[in-house]
Structures are given as structure tokens and as C-alpha cells.
C-alpha atoms as a PDB file:
ATOM      1  CA  UNK A   1    -127.673 214.317-111.241  1.00  0.00           C
ATOM      2  CA  UNK A   2    -130.305 216.671-108.926  1.00  0.00           C
ATOM      3  CA  UNK A   3    -128.820 216.505-105.341  1.00  0.00           C
ATOM      4  CA  UNK A   4    -131.832 218.031-103.523  1.00  0.00           C
ATOM      5  CA  UNK A   5    -133.446 217.895 -99.840  1.00  0.00           C
ATOM      6  CA  UNK A   6    -129.758 216.007 -98.825  1.00  0.00           C
ATOM      7  CA  UNK A   7    -130.015 217.839 -95.416  1.00  0.00           C
ATOM      8  CA  UNK A   8    -133.476 216.153 -94.409  1.00  0.00           C
ATOM      9  CA  UNK A   9    -131.619 212.745 -94.551  1.00  0.00           C
ATOM     10  CA  UNK A  10    -129.267 214.135 -91.981  1.00  0.00           C
ATOM     11  CA  UNK A  11    -129.528 212.108 -88.519  1.00  0.00           C
ATOM     12  CA  UNK A  12    -127.239 215.398 -87.017  1.00  0.00           C
ATOM     13  CA  UNK A  13    -128.499 218.961 -85.782  1.00  0.00           C
ATOM     14  CA  UNK A  14    -126.949 221.801 -88.669  1.00  0.00           C
ATOM     15  CA  UNK A  15    -124.817 221.841 -90.208  1.00  0.00           C
ATOM     16  CA  UNK A  16    -126.292 217.981 -91.084  1.00  0.00           C
ATOM     17  CA  UNK A  17    -122.108 217.286 -91.051  1.00  0.00           C
ATOM     18  CA  UNK A  18    -123.014 213.136 -91.875  1.00  0.00           C
ATOM     19  CA  UNK A  19    -124.547 214.497 -95.533  1.00  0.00           C
ATOM     20  CA  UNK A  20    -121.296 214.703 -96.648  1.00  0.00           C
ATOM     21  CA  UNK A  21    -119.980 211.022 -97.330  1.00  0.00           C
ATOM     22  CA  UNK A  22    -122.844 210.068 -99.524  1.00  0.00           C
ATOM     23  CA  UNK A  23    -123.218 214.036-101.339  1.00  0.00           C
ATOM     24  CA  UNK A  24    -119.389 213.368-102.693  1.00  0.00           C
ATOM     25  CA  UNK A  25    -119.784 209.765-103.275  1.00  0.00           C
ATOM     26  CA  UNK A  26    -122.250 210.879-105.927  1.00  0.00           C
ATOM     27  CA  UNK A  27    -120.263 213.547-107.172  1.00  0.00           C
ATOM     28  CA  UNK A  28    -117.556 211.131-107.466  1.00  0.00           C
ATOM     29  CA  UNK A  29    -119.986 209.016-109.124  1.00  0.00           C
ATOM     30  CA  UNK A  30    -121.678 211.167-111.734  1.00  0.00           C
ATOM     31  CA  UNK A  31    -118.949 214.392-111.889  1.00  0.00           C
ATOM     32  CA  UNK A  32    -119.389 217.844-110.575  1.00  0.00           C
ATOM     33  CA  UNK A  33    -120.316 218.701-114.198  1.00  0.00           C
ATOM     34  CA  UNK A  34    -123.206 216.447-114.123  1.00  0.00           C
ATOM     35  CA  UNK A  35    -124.409 217.277-110.556  1.00  0.00           C
ATOM     36  CA  UNK A  36    -126.818 219.907-109.977  1.00  0.00           C
ATOM     37  CA  UNK A  37    -127.827 221.194-106.073  1.00  0.00           C
ATOM     38  CA  UNK A  38    -131.262 221.794-105.108  1.00  0.00           C
ATOM     39  CA  UNK A  39    -132.995 222.330-102.035  1.00  0.00           C
ATOM     40  CA  UNK A  40    -136.196 220.454-103.180  1.00  0.00           C
ATOM     41  CA  UNK A  41    -137.949 223.181-101.321  1.00  0.00           C
ATOM     42  CA  UNK A  42    -141.495 222.047-102.433  1.00  0.00           C
ATOM     43  CA  UNK A  43    -141.226 218.864-100.322  1.00  0.00           C
ATOM     44  CA  UNK A  44    -138.856 220.080 -97.587  1.00  0.00           C
ATOM     45  CA  UNK A  45    -140.368 223.135 -96.675  1.00  0.00           C
ATOM     46  CA  UNK A  46    -141.860 221.363 -93.335  1.00  0.00           C
ATOM     47  CA  UNK A  47    -138.444 219.717 -92.175  1.00  0.00           C
ATOM     48  CA  UNK A  48    -136.157 222.402 -92.572  1.00  0.00           C
ATOM     49  CA  UNK A  49    -135.839 226.276 -92.860  1.00  0.00           C
ATOM     50  CA  UNK A  50    -134.901 227.437 -96.661  1.00  0.00           C
ATOM     51  CA  UNK A  51    -131.621 228.644 -94.913  1.00  0.00           C
ATOM     52  CA  UNK A  52    -130.866 225.227 -92.979  1.00  0.00           C
ATOM     53  CA  UNK A  53    -131.002 223.633 -96.746  1.00  0.00           C
ATOM     54  CA  UNK A  54    -128.618 225.807 -98.071  1.00  0.00           C
ATOM     55  CA  UNK A  55    -125.971 226.749 -95.579  1.00  0.00           C
ATOM     56  CA  UNK A  56    -124.084 223.545 -95.363  1.00  0.00           C
ATOM     57  CA  UNK A  57    -123.380 223.862 -99.391  1.00  0.00           C
ATOM     58  CA  UNK A  58    -122.287 227.336 -99.308  1.00  0.00           C
ATOM     59  CA  UNK A  59    -120.058 226.778 -95.538  1.00  0.00           C
ATOM     60  CA  UNK A  60    -118.980 223.761 -96.297  1.00  0.00           C
ATOM     61  CA  UNK A  61    -115.211 223.211 -96.421  1.00  0.00           C
ATOM     62  CA  UNK A  62    -115.493 219.964 -98.255  1.00  0.00           C
ATOM     63  CA  UNK A  63    -115.943 221.721-101.645  1.00  0.00           C
ATOM     64  CA  UNK A  64    -113.560 224.740-103.132  1.00  0.00           C
ATOM     65  CA  UNK A  65    -115.382 228.107-104.311  1.00  0.00           C
ATOM     66  CA  UNK A  66    -115.382 226.797-107.788  1.00  0.00           C
ATOM     67  CA  UNK A  67    -117.002 223.159-106.889  1.00  0.00           C
ATOM     68  CA  UNK A  68    -119.802 225.312-105.335  1.00  0.00           C
ATOM     69  CA  UNK A  69    -120.421 227.883-107.658  1.00  0.00           C
ATOM     70  CA  UNK A  70    -120.733 224.508-110.291  1.00  0.00           C
ATOM     71  CA  UNK A  71    -122.877 222.619-108.114  1.00  0.00           C
ATOM     72  CA  UNK A  72    -125.180 225.608-107.319  1.00  0.00           C
ATOM     73  CA  UNK A  73    -126.083 226.947-109.960  1.00  0.00           C
ATOM     74  CA  UNK A  74    -122.976 226.354-113.045  1.00  0.00           C
ATOM     75  CA  UNK A  75    -124.256 223.259-114.018  1.00  0.00           C
ATOM     76  CA  UNK A  76    -127.943 224.383-114.422  1.00  0.00           C
ATOM     77  CA  UNK A  77    -126.465 227.392-116.348  1.00  0.00           C
ATOM     78  CA  UNK A  78    -124.769 224.845-118.753  1.00  0.00           C
ATOM     79  CA  UNK A  79    -127.616 222.491-119.143  1.00  0.00           C
ATOM     80  CA  UNK A  80    -130.609 225.125-119.756  1.00  0.00           C
ATOM     81  CA  UNK A  81    -128.216 227.447-121.642  1.00  0.00           C
ATOM     82  CA  UNK A  82    -128.817 230.299-119.300  1.00  0.00           C
END
């Protein structure tokens, strides 16, 4: 499950705290080992900066460091055997 462009769905200013309830429901439903984060940069570049799309995931305390590693690259490494 690709979790991308989540920050563009926020109704709040950065750090987009209202994205976490739906994001965590997706992670709970599919499992972290089946979820991959992405910015969806080609679609979102006019809505927010790259840093604004990355920072909420890098800086959140709602995910452990190992969960962030898994979500933001670990799953894609496994899927594509990188």
C-alpha cells in the first residue's frame, strides 16, 4: 500500500497533524511491512514543498525510528529486492 501525498489531504498547516489518524489506520489495516511512503511529488509539487511532504513523516513521534525506516524505504527495498 503506497502512502503518498498524505500531507496534501491535511486541513491543517505544517506539520499536518491531522493526517495521522487515517495514516495509522492504513498501517494497522495492511501492516507496516506492506506499506510504502512516498511524496507523490509529481502531483503535489504545486501544493507544498518537498520538505513539507517529508518532514511530518521524519519528525513524527507516532512512529518509532525502526517503523520510519520500514515505511520510508525498508518495504520498497524488500519488494524490489534492492
